[in-house]
Protein backbone atom coordinates (compact mmCIF):
# COMPACT_ATOMS: atom_id res chain seq x y z
CA UNK A 1 -23.51 16.17 -75.34
CA UNK A 2 -25.36 13.95 -72.97
CA UNK A 3 -25.39 14.44 -69.23
CA UNK A 4 -25.46 11.65 -66.70
CA UNK A 5 -27.33 12.21 -63.50
CA UNK A 6 -25.34 10.74 -60.61
CA UNK A 7 -26.70 10.74 -57.08
CA UNK A 8 -23.80 10.80 -54.64
CA UNK A 9 -24.37 9.34 -51.21
CA UNK A 10 -21.94 9.00 -48.36
CA UNK A 11 -21.47 5.42 -47.22
CA UNK A 12 -23.59 4.76 -44.16
CA UNK A 13 -21.86 3.44 -41.06
CA UNK A 14 -25.02 3.23 -38.96
CA UNK A 15 -26.32 -0.08 -37.78
CA UNK A 16 -29.62 -1.04 -39.40
CA UNK A 17 -32.24 -2.27 -37.00
CA UNK A 18 -35.48 -4.05 -37.84
CA UNK A 19 -38.31 -1.66 -38.59
CA UNK A 20 -40.51 -3.18 -35.93
CA UNK A 21 -37.87 -2.54 -33.27
CA UNK A 22 -37.48 1.09 -34.31
CA UNK A 23 -41.21 1.67 -34.37
CA UNK A 24 -41.81 0.09 -30.98
CA UNK A 25 -39.05 2.08 -29.31
CA UNK A 26 -40.10 5.33 -30.90
CA UNK A 27 -43.61 4.92 -29.57
CA UNK A 28 -42.26 4.82 -26.01
CA UNK A 29 -40.83 8.33 -26.14
CA UNK A 30 -43.20 11.12 -25.16
CA UNK A 31 -43.79 13.69 -27.91
CA UNK A 32 -42.24 16.47 -25.82
CA UNK A 33 -38.87 14.71 -25.92
CA UNK A 34 -37.04 15.57 -29.10
CA UNK A 35 -33.98 13.45 -28.37
CA UNK A 36 -34.29 9.92 -29.76
CA UNK A 37 -33.66 7.08 -27.36
CA UNK A 38 -30.81 5.64 -29.38
CA UNK A 39 -28.98 8.97 -29.58
CA UNK A 40 -29.22 9.37 -25.83
CA UNK A 41 -28.04 5.82 -25.21
CA UNK A 42 -25.02 6.31 -27.44
CA UNK A 43 -24.21 9.56 -25.63
CA UNK A 44 -24.51 7.77 -22.31
CA UNK A 45 -22.30 4.98 -23.58
CA UNK A 46 -19.60 7.45 -24.61
CA UNK A 47 -19.81 9.54 -21.44
CA UNK A 48 -19.63 6.83 -18.80
CA UNK A 49 -17.88 3.96 -20.52
CA UNK A 50 -14.46 3.26 -19.07
CA UNK A 51 -13.08 2.55 -22.51
CA UNK A 52 -11.52 5.27 -24.59
CA UNK A 53 -11.96 5.53 -28.34
CA UNK A 54 -8.32 6.49 -28.67
CA UNK A 55 -5.83 3.74 -29.24
CA UNK A 56 -2.13 3.81 -28.37
CA UNK A 57 0.40 4.12 -31.12
CA UNK A 58 2.00 0.91 -32.21
CA UNK A 59 5.58 0.18 -31.31
CA UNK A 60 8.05 1.08 -33.99
CA UNK A 61 9.00 -2.02 -36.01
CA UNK A 62 11.90 -3.97 -34.56
CA UNK A 63 14.50 -5.83 -36.62
CA UNK A 64 13.37 -9.08 -35.04
CA UNK A 65 9.65 -8.38 -35.37
CA UNK A 66 7.70 -10.38 -37.90
CA UNK A 67 7.11 -8.53 -41.13
CA UNK A 68 3.37 -8.90 -41.41
CA UNK A 69 0.44 -6.55 -41.99
CA UNK A 70 -1.13 -5.14 -38.84
CA UNK A 71 -4.00 -7.12 -37.43
CA UNK A 72 -7.48 -5.72 -37.76
CA UNK A 73 -8.72 -3.98 -34.65
CA UNK A 74 -11.30 -6.01 -32.78
CA UNK A 75 -13.65 -3.53 -31.20
CA UNK A 76 -16.32 -4.54 -28.77
CA UNK A 77 -19.81 -3.84 -30.01
CA UNK A 78 -21.59 -1.19 -27.98
CA UNK A 79 -24.33 -3.05 -26.19
CA UNK A 80 -27.40 -1.13 -25.11
CA UNK A 81 -30.14 -2.33 -22.81
CA UNK A 82 -32.89 -1.36 -25.26
CA UNK A 83 -31.23 -3.40 -28.01
CA UNK A 84 -30.29 -6.39 -25.87
CA UNK A 85 -33.75 -6.99 -24.40
CA UNK A 86 -37.15 -6.69 -26.03
CA UNK A 87 -38.85 -3.68 -24.51
CA UNK A 88 -42.54 -4.47 -24.20
CA UNK A 89 -44.80 -1.62 -25.22
CA UNK A 90 -47.39 -2.68 -22.67
CA UNK A 91 -45.00 -1.78 -19.88
CA UNK A 92 -45.45 1.88 -20.78
CA UNK A 93 -41.95 2.73 -19.57
CA UNK A 94 -41.23 6.41 -19.32
CA UNK A 95 -38.22 7.95 -21.02
CA UNK A 96 -36.57 8.48 -17.63
CA UNK A 97 -37.05 4.84 -16.64
CA UNK A 98 -35.54 3.67 -19.93
CA UNK A 99 -32.52 5.88 -19.27
CA UNK A 100 -32.23 4.42 -15.78
CA UNK A 101 -32.25 0.90 -17.19
CA UNK A 102 -29.59 1.87 -19.73
CA UNK A 103 -27.35 3.21 -16.94
CA UNK A 104 -27.80 0.07 -14.81
CA UNK A 105 -27.08 -2.12 -17.82
CA UNK A 106 -23.93 -0.11 -18.56
CA UNK A 107 -22.72 -0.83 -15.02
CA UNK A 108 -23.37 -4.55 -15.46
CA UNK A 109 -21.89 -4.72 -18.96
CA UNK A 110 -18.80 -2.86 -17.80
CA UNK A 111 -18.22 -5.48 -15.12
CA UNK A 112 -18.50 -8.24 -17.71
CA UNK A 113 -15.98 -6.53 -20.01
CA UNK A 114 -13.60 -5.89 -17.12
CA UNK A 115 -13.63 -9.54 -16.06
CA UNK A 116 -12.96 -10.63 -19.63
CA UNK A 117 -9.98 -8.26 -19.94
CA UNK A 118 -8.44 -9.26 -16.61
CA UNK A 119 -8.67 -12.95 -17.50
CA UNK A 120 -7.17 -12.19 -20.90
CA UNK A 121 -4.22 -10.38 -19.32
CA UNK A 122 -3.44 -13.44 -17.23
CA UNK A 123 -4.06 -16.05 -19.92
CA UNK A 124 -2.44 -14.29 -22.90
CA UNK A 125 0.41 -12.44 -21.17
CA UNK A 126 1.26 -13.64 -17.67
CA UNK A 127 1.02 -17.41 -18.12
CA UNK A 128 2.87 -17.68 -21.49
CA UNK A 129 5.73 -15.42 -20.35
CA UNK A 130 6.11 -17.52 -17.21
CA UNK A 131 5.97 -20.81 -19.11
CA UNK A 132 8.45 -19.64 -21.76
CA UNK A 133 10.74 -18.12 -19.09
CA UNK A 134 10.57 -14.74 -20.82
CA UNK A 135 10.35 -13.18 -17.37
CA UNK A 136 10.95 -14.62 -13.93
CA UNK A 137 8.06 -15.32 -11.59
CA UNK A 138 9.24 -12.53 -9.30
CA UNK A 139 9.25 -10.01 -12.15
CA UNK A 140 5.77 -11.05 -13.27
CA UNK A 141 4.46 -10.80 -9.72
CA UNK A 142 5.82 -7.25 -9.53
CA UNK A 143 4.26 -6.23 -12.86
CA UNK A 144 0.86 -7.92 -12.45
CA UNK A 145 0.56 -7.24 -8.73
CA UNK A 146 -2.67 -8.48 -7.15
CA UNK A 147 -4.58 -8.59 -10.44
CA UNK A 148 -5.72 -12.18 -9.83
CA UNK A 149 -7.50 -11.19 -6.62
CA UNK A 150 -9.59 -8.54 -8.41
CA UNK A 151 -11.35 -10.99 -10.73
CA UNK A 152 -13.49 -12.71 -8.03
CA UNK A 153 -14.57 -9.31 -6.66
CA UNK A 154 -16.08 -8.21 -9.95
CA UNK A 155 -17.51 -11.65 -10.66
CA UNK A 156 -19.37 -11.31 -7.37
CA UNK A 157 -20.89 -7.95 -8.33
CA UNK A 158 -21.84 -9.22 -11.78
CA UNK A 159 -23.55 -12.26 -10.26
CA UNK A 160 -25.53 -10.06 -7.84
CA UNK A 161 -26.66 -7.72 -10.62
CA UNK A 162 -27.74 -10.62 -12.81
CA UNK A 163 -29.69 -12.23 -9.96
CA UNK A 164 -31.91 -9.17 -9.47
CA UNK A 165 -32.52 -8.71 -13.20
CA UNK A 166 -36.05 -9.64 -14.19
CA UNK A 167 -36.96 -11.90 -17.08
CA UNK A 168 -37.75 -8.87 -19.26
CA UNK A 169 -34.26 -7.47 -18.63
CA UNK A 170 -35.28 -4.67 -16.28
CA UNK A 171 -33.78 -4.14 -12.82
CA UNK A 172 -35.78 -2.62 -10.00
CA UNK A 173 -33.23 -2.13 -7.20
CA UNK A 174 -29.42 -1.94 -7.27
CA UNK A 175 -28.62 0.49 -4.45
CA UNK A 176 -28.59 -2.07 -1.64
CA UNK A 177 -26.31 -4.33 -3.71
CA UNK A 178 -23.79 -1.53 -4.25
CA UNK A 179 -23.82 -0.46 -0.60
CA UNK A 180 -22.96 -4.01 0.41
CA UNK A 181 -20.37 -4.63 -2.32
CA UNK A 182 -18.43 -1.39 -2.69
CA UNK A 183 -16.39 -1.68 0.56
CA UNK A 184 -14.53 -4.65 -0.95
CA UNK A 185 -12.89 -2.19 -3.38
CA UNK A 186 -10.57 -1.19 -0.54
CA UNK A 187 -8.47 -4.12 -1.75
CA UNK A 188 -7.57 -1.95 -4.77
CA UNK A 189 -5.19 -0.14 -2.43
CA UNK A 190 -2.29 -2.56 -2.92
CA UNK A 191 -2.87 -2.93 -6.68
CA UNK A 192 -2.92 0.81 -7.42
CA UNK A 193 -0.01 1.54 -5.08
CA UNK A 194 2.09 -0.98 -6.99
CA UNK A 195 1.45 0.53 -10.42
CA UNK A 196 4.35 2.99 -10.43
CA UNK A 197 6.91 0.28 -9.73
CA UNK A 198 5.13 -2.12 -12.11
CA UNK A 199 5.20 0.36 -15.00
CA UNK A 200 8.87 1.15 -14.42
CA UNK A 201 9.83 -2.53 -14.41
CA UNK A 202 7.76 -3.26 -17.52
CA UNK A 203 9.38 -0.39 -19.42
CA UNK A 204 12.80 -1.65 -18.35
CA UNK A 205 12.05 -5.23 -19.43
CA UNK A 206 10.94 -4.03 -22.87
CA UNK A 207 14.62 -3.46 -23.61
CA UNK A 208 14.99 -7.25 -23.53
CA UNK A 209 14.83 -8.73 -27.04
CA UNK A 210 12.55 -11.63 -26.04
CA UNK A 211 10.13 -9.49 -24.03
CA UNK A 212 9.77 -6.89 -26.77
CA UNK A 213 9.25 -9.54 -29.44
CA UNK A 214 6.57 -11.32 -27.38
CA UNK A 215 4.68 -8.09 -26.62
CA UNK A 216 4.88 -7.04 -30.27
CA UNK A 217 3.42 -10.36 -31.41
CA UNK A 218 0.57 -9.95 -28.93
CA UNK A 219 -0.05 -6.41 -30.13
CA UNK A 220 -0.35 -7.66 -33.70
CA UNK A 221 -2.80 -10.39 -32.70
CA UNK A 222 -6.56 -9.81 -32.96
CA UNK A 223 -7.25 -10.70 -29.31
CA UNK A 224 -5.39 -7.62 -28.05
CA UNK A 225 -7.60 -5.15 -29.96
CA UNK A 226 -4.30 -3.26 -30.53
CA UNK A 227 -3.97 -2.61 -26.81
CA UNK A 228 -0.57 -3.21 -25.27
CA UNK A 229 -0.01 -5.00 -21.97
CA UNK A 230 -0.01 -1.85 -19.88
CA UNK A 231 -3.43 -0.86 -21.23
CA UNK A 232 -4.80 -4.10 -19.81
CA UNK A 233 -3.01 -3.65 -16.49
CA UNK A 234 -4.34 -0.10 -16.15
CA UNK A 235 -7.98 -1.07 -16.79
CA UNK A 236 -8.77 -1.77 -13.08
CA UNK A 237 -7.62 1.71 -12.04
CA UNK A 238 -9.61 3.29 -14.86
CA UNK A 239 -12.67 1.34 -13.82
CA UNK A 240 -12.28 2.32 -10.18
CA UNK A 241 -12.33 6.06 -10.85
CA UNK A 242 -15.39 5.66 -13.11
CA UNK A 243 -17.66 4.18 -10.44
CA UNK A 244 -18.74 7.57 -8.99
CA UNK A 245 -19.77 8.71 -12.48
CA UNK A 246 -21.62 5.47 -13.18
CA UNK A 247 -23.56 5.65 -9.92
CA UNK A 248 -24.39 9.33 -10.32
CA UNK A 249 -25.79 8.54 -13.76
CA UNK A 250 -28.11 5.91 -12.28
CA UNK A 251 -29.11 8.29 -9.48
CA UNK A 252 -29.83 11.08 -11.96
CA UNK A 253 -32.53 8.98 -13.60
CA UNK A 254 -33.95 7.58 -10.35
CA UNK A 255 -37.18 9.23 -9.10
CA UNK A 256 -36.98 10.96 -5.72
CA UNK A 257 -39.57 8.63 -4.21
CA UNK A 258 -37.82 5.49 -5.46
CA UNK A 259 -36.49 3.15 -2.72
CA UNK A 260 -33.10 3.15 -4.48
CA UNK A 261 -32.63 6.90 -3.98
CA UNK A 262 -31.20 6.75 -0.46
CA UNK A 263 -29.09 3.65 -1.12
CA UNK A 264 -27.55 5.18 -4.24
CA UNK A 265 -26.60 8.35 -2.37
CA UNK A 266 -24.99 6.22 0.33
CA UNK A 267 -23.17 4.16 -2.31
CA UNK A 268 -21.79 7.31 -3.97
CA UNK A 269 -20.43 8.54 -0.63
CA UNK A 270 -18.80 5.15 -0.03
CA UNK A 271 -17.05 4.97 -3.41
CA UNK A 272 -15.93 8.60 -3.28
CA UNK A 273 -14.31 7.95 0.09
CA UNK A 274 -12.61 4.80 -1.19
CA UNK A 275 -11.28 6.51 -4.33
CA UNK A 276 -10.00 9.48 -2.31
CA UNK A 277 -8.22 7.22 0.19
CA UNK A 278 -6.64 5.05 -2.52
CA UNK A 279 -5.59 8.18 -4.40
CA UNK A 280 -3.75 9.44 -1.31
CA UNK A 281 -2.00 6.12 -0.71
CA UNK A 282 -1.08 5.79 -4.38
CA UNK A 283 0.45 9.27 -4.30
CA UNK A 284 2.45 8.39 -1.21
CA UNK A 285 3.64 5.18 -2.85
CA UNK A 286 4.72 7.07 -5.97
CA UNK A 287 6.58 9.63 -3.86
CA UNK A 288 8.40 6.92 -1.91
CA UNK A 289 9.33 5.13 -5.13
CA UNK A 290 11.07 8.19 -6.58
CA UNK A 291 12.71 9.18 -3.29
CA UNK A 292 14.34 5.75 -3.12
CA UNK A 293 15.79 6.26 -6.60
CA UNK A 294 17.44 9.60 -5.96
CA UNK A 295 21.24 9.42 -6.03
CA UNK A 296 23.15 12.05 -4.06
CA UNK A 297 26.64 12.97 -5.22
CA UNK A 298 27.45 14.35 -1.77
CA UNK A 299 25.89 14.32 1.66
CA UNK A 300 25.31 18.06 1.51
CA UNK A 301 22.63 17.48 -1.14
CA UNK A 302 20.44 15.55 1.26
CA UNK A 303 17.54 17.58 2.56
CA UNK A 304 14.95 16.84 5.23
CA UNK A 305 12.33 18.47 2.99
CA UNK A 306 12.80 15.55 0.58
CA UNK A 307 12.72 12.95 3.35
CA UNK A 308 9.52 14.41 4.81
CA UNK A 309 7.72 14.69 1.45
CA UNK A 310 4.72 12.44 0.95
CA UNK A 311 3.54 13.64 -2.45
CA UNK A 312 5.13 14.40 -5.82
CA UNK A 313 3.19 17.40 -7.11
CA UNK A 314 4.57 16.90 -10.62
CA UNK A 315 7.67 15.62 -12.36
CA UNK A 316 8.95 15.25 -15.88
CA UNK A 317 11.66 15.98 -18.41
CA UNK A 318 12.78 19.55 -19.09
CA UNK A 319 15.81 20.99 -20.89
CA UNK A 320 18.13 23.71 -19.70
CA UNK A 321 19.40 26.51 -21.94
CA UNK A 322 22.27 24.28 -23.10
CA UNK A 323 19.89 21.61 -24.32
CA UNK A 324 20.76 19.17 -21.52
CA UNK A 325 17.85 16.91 -20.59
CA UNK A 326 16.94 17.11 -16.93
CA UNK A 327 14.32 15.29 -14.89
CA UNK A 328 12.71 17.69 -12.44
CA UNK A 329 10.70 16.68 -9.36
CA UNK A 330 8.44 19.09 -7.52
CA UNK A 331 7.79 17.65 -4.08
CA UNK A 332 5.55 19.35 -1.53
CA UNK A 333 8.16 21.78 -0.24
CA UNK A 334 11.24 21.32 -2.42
CA UNK A 335 12.20 21.35 -6.11
CA UNK A 336 14.79 18.73 -7.09
CA UNK A 337 16.63 18.89 -10.43
CA UNK A 338 18.19 15.60 -11.53
CA UNK A 339 19.65 13.71 -14.46
CA UNK A 340 18.19 10.34 -15.38
CA UNK A 341 20.84 7.61 -15.26
CA UNK A 342 20.96 3.82 -15.19
CA UNK A 343 22.30 2.40 -11.95
CA UNK A 344 22.38 -1.35 -11.23
CA UNK A 345 20.12 -1.89 -14.25
CA UNK A 346 17.54 0.47 -12.77
CA UNK A 347 16.48 3.93 -13.86
CA UNK A 348 17.65 6.35 -11.18
CA UNK A 349 17.91 10.11 -10.80
CA UNK A 350 21.20 11.78 -9.91
CA UNK A 351 20.89 15.18 -8.28
CA UNK A 352 22.12 17.92 -10.60
CA UNK A 353 22.40 20.72 -8.03
CA UNK A 354 21.30 21.44 -4.49
CA UNK A 355 17.57 21.02 -3.81
CA UNK A 356 15.67 24.33 -3.88
CA UNK A 357 13.18 24.99 -1.05
CA UNK A 358 9.83 26.02 -2.50
CA UNK A 359 9.41 28.79 0.08
CA UNK A 360 12.58 30.52 -1.21
CA UNK A 361 12.09 29.68 -4.89
CA UNK A 362 11.65 32.57 -7.34
CA UNK A 363 9.61 31.71 -10.44
CA UNK A 364 9.76 33.72 -13.68
CA UNK A 365 7.66 33.21 -16.79
CA UNK A 366 10.06 34.04 -19.63
CA UNK A 367 8.90 35.51 -22.90
CA UNK A 368 9.66 33.59 -26.08
CA UNK A 369 12.97 34.54 -27.66
CA UNK A 370 14.55 36.08 -24.56
CA UNK A 371 16.71 33.18 -23.41
CA UNK A 372 20.42 32.68 -23.89
CA UNK A 373 20.99 29.37 -25.61
CA UNK A 374 24.47 27.93 -25.82
CA UNK A 375 26.07 31.27 -24.97
CA UNK A 376 24.32 33.27 -27.68
CA UNK A 377 21.17 35.34 -27.79
CA UNK A 378 18.62 34.14 -30.27
CA UNK A 379 15.36 35.82 -31.06
CA UNK A 380 15.16 39.50 -31.87
CA UNK A 381 18.60 39.56 -33.57
CA UNK A 382 18.26 36.30 -35.47
CA UNK A 383 16.19 34.97 -38.32
CA UNK A 384 16.03 31.56 -36.68
CA UNK A 385 12.90 30.35 -34.96
CA UNK A 386 12.50 32.00 -31.58
CA UNK A 387 13.25 29.89 -28.53
CA UNK A 388 9.96 29.11 -26.84
CA UNK A 389 8.42 27.69 -23.69
CA UNK A 390 11.10 28.69 -21.17
CA UNK A 391 10.66 29.58 -17.53
CA UNK A 392 13.23 30.28 -14.84
CA UNK A 393 13.57 29.06 -11.28
CA UNK A 394 16.13 30.71 -9.02
CA UNK A 395 17.14 30.65 -5.39
CA UNK A 396 19.44 32.70 -3.18
CA UNK A 397 20.19 32.19 0.47
CA UNK A 398 23.34 33.67 1.94
CA UNK A 399 26.29 32.54 -0.12
CA UNK A 400 24.24 29.92 -1.98
CA UNK A 401 22.49 30.83 -5.22
CA UNK A 402 21.10 29.00 -8.23
CA UNK A 403 19.36 29.95 -11.45
CA UNK A 404 17.97 27.53 -14.03
CA UNK A 405 16.28 28.38 -17.32
CA UNK A 406 14.11 25.37 -18.14
CA UNK A 407 12.34 24.58 -21.39
CA UNK A 408 9.11 22.58 -21.62
CA UNK A 409 8.02 20.56 -24.64
CA UNK A 410 5.18 22.92 -25.51
CA UNK A 411 3.18 25.83 -24.15
CA UNK A 412 0.66 23.56 -22.43
CA UNK A 413 3.40 21.66 -20.60
CA UNK A 414 5.02 24.92 -19.58
CA UNK A 415 1.75 26.26 -18.18
CA UNK A 416 1.27 23.08 -16.18
CA UNK A 417 4.67 23.52 -14.57
CA UNK A 418 3.98 27.17 -13.79
CA UNK A 419 0.63 26.32 -12.20
CA UNK A 420 2.06 23.48 -10.11
CA UNK A 421 4.95 25.57 -8.78
CA UNK A 422 2.68 28.51 -7.96
CA UNK A 423 0.23 26.26 -6.14
CA UNK A 424 3.08 24.66 -4.19
CA UNK A 425 4.36 28.09 -3.14
CA UNK A 426 0.87 29.15 -2.04
CA UNK A 427 0.48 26.03 0.09
CA UNK A 428 3.89 26.48 1.70
CA UNK A 429 3.12 30.15 2.42
CA UNK A 430 -0.27 29.31 3.94
CA UNK A 431 1.27 26.51 6.01
CA UNK A 432 3.94 28.92 7.29
CA UNK A 433 1.33 31.48 8.33
CA UNK A 434 -0.67 28.78 10.10
CA UNK A 435 2.39 27.67 12.06
CA UNK A 436 3.08 31.27 13.12
CA UNK A 437 -0.51 31.77 14.25
CA UNK A 438 -0.46 28.51 16.18
CA UNK A 439 2.79 29.44 17.92
CA UNK A 440 1.40 32.86 18.85
CA UNK A 441 -1.86 31.33 20.03
CA UNK A 442 0.13 29.03 22.30
CA UNK A 443 0.93 32.04 24.50
CA UNK A 444 -1.93 34.00 26.09
CA UNK A 445 -2.06 36.89 28.55
CA UNK A 446 -2.90 35.97 32.13
CA UNK A 447 -5.40 38.11 34.11
CA UNK A 448 -2.55 40.08 35.69
CA UNK A 449 -1.07 40.89 32.27
CA UNK A 450 1.88 38.47 32.39
CA UNK A 451 2.60 36.20 29.39
CA UNK A 452 1.89 32.54 30.15
CA UNK A 453 1.61 29.47 28.00
CA UNK A 454 -1.74 28.12 26.92
CA UNK A 455 -1.19 24.96 28.98
CA UNK A 456 -0.63 26.98 32.15
CA UNK A 457 -3.74 29.05 31.46
CA UNK A 458 -5.79 25.92 30.97
CA UNK A 459 -4.59 24.47 34.27
CA UNK A 460 -5.32 27.77 36.01
CA UNK A 461 -8.82 27.79 34.59
CA UNK A 462 -9.30 24.22 35.78
CA UNK A 463 -8.22 25.20 39.32
CA UNK A 464 -10.60 28.15 39.31
CA UNK A 465 -13.45 26.07 38.02
CA UNK A 466 -12.81 23.46 40.72
CA UNK A 467 -12.81 26.09 43.48
CA UNK A 468 -15.97 27.69 42.12
CA UNK A 469 -17.74 24.42 41.54
CA UNK A 470 -21.29 24.09 42.84
CA UNK A 471 -20.92 20.37 43.38
CA UNK A 472 -21.66 19.31 47.02
CA UNK A 473 -20.22 16.35 48.87
CA UNK A 474 -20.17 14.95 52.44
CA UNK A 475 -17.08 16.46 54.11
CA UNK A 476 -17.50 15.10 57.63
CA UNK A 477 -15.15 12.16 57.14
CA UNK A 478 -12.67 14.35 55.31
CA UNK A 479 -12.62 16.84 58.21
CA UNK A 480 -12.01 14.05 60.72
CA UNK A 481 -9.14 12.73 58.65
CA UNK A 482 -7.68 16.22 58.39
CA UNK A 483 -7.82 16.70 62.18
CA UNK A 484 -6.08 13.36 62.73
CA UNK A 485 -3.42 14.29 60.14
CA UNK A 486 -2.84 17.64 61.88
CA UNK A 487 -2.47 15.96 65.31
CA UNK A 488 -0.05 13.41 63.90
CA UNK A 489 1.95 16.10 62.18
CA UNK A 490 2.17 18.18 65.39
CA UNK A 491 3.42 15.20 67.39
CA UNK A 492 6.02 14.40 64.78
CA UNK A 493 7.10 18.03 64.74
CA UNK A 494 7.61 18.05 68.53
CA UNK A 495 9.65 14.85 68.33
CA UNK A 496 11.73 16.32 65.52
CA UNK A 497 12.42 19.46 67.56
CA UNK A 498 13.48 17.39 70.56
CA UNK A 499 15.79 15.34 68.40
CA UNK A 500 17.38 18.45 66.94
CA UNK A 501 17.98 19.87 70.40
């Protein structure tokens, strides 16, 4: 019997580069560095790129959708600085300088990709839907927000970065450019604050036959790279929160004595402040959006804790022990249990019971299998799968009491709810203690032991300090005026006495 010698090899997916390019780049890396340049660059690309390798699931096929094979995914090629420009060996660039150039190039390339995507969103989605009357102009303005105004901002940064790039592709200074450009990102405030309402309207419009069909056709087209419309609309926000990471990566590979060092540190502080401020305003906008969509069955359900809330700590769908789907909102100081309903063609949330103040809320982490479901006990006395991922929130104040056993989708979701509620209770408790301390500090003991307010004590101290002041002034004119006032007062007193008599 003869034997055949087969050599099995896995198919290679690596890009093949010219041998001369590989050799020249390898010679630039000091022998002490074991990490190849390309491997580092790919790691950098994955770590700081604003694109995710994951792709959203396709919509389920619709009866009116075209029956055609899915379009091939068009992925952008990963562009690296060392592969885009010819690195001259005579430059004798250090490994750290090459990494710095890669990070700067990633910043520039990211701007170019962002501009392309924003223009695509307008050209392939906004304009056709407006022209075909698939959506009204008002609806499109709500969904796309101020997206148009963001394109010139990023075109400006890209132009500045390209202007300082040398003929060999290297860039010496970028810090001063970023310090001057980053403040314009404050205009992201209105775009990000609008995203909650934009997403809700887009999801609602997808129920329309024409809208869903148009979006499905776009999704199946190569230009979309299998990204739906919301992926494109969310790209600016994703890019915004990546800037601190991008700048820190450039700073990490910038020598301490480099002129860019100070400017980059300043730029990082600027962008962190902008992101933090926009994050706060976006949270407030989200909170206001949901507060406006709460429907109260009776006036007694209204609560000032809801009205005064500025942040939604978390919210989402949970089930009670009867299997009823509930939408639960955890505001700063109150837990609100609702049912999602459609009202005036809008998704709204009808209060299920009275709001529960967080300060009085009792939280219990329930063990799997110990929950009554539909009036029966399942778990230890049943062969069925144990009921999992339940927790209980309860409240009792005087004659009012509530108890809700709520089920999360999985253990991770349950743990997130438990953590959020515990953190909210801690904040409310700390805030309460602070208010008590402030109220007690408002009253201080006076020198004679009596209890006086802090304002009175401050005024008393001011009087004492004035009387004990070492400041000198000319009092001759004041004394003369006082003598004249005393004489005038005595004359008036004598006249008054005579009149009374």
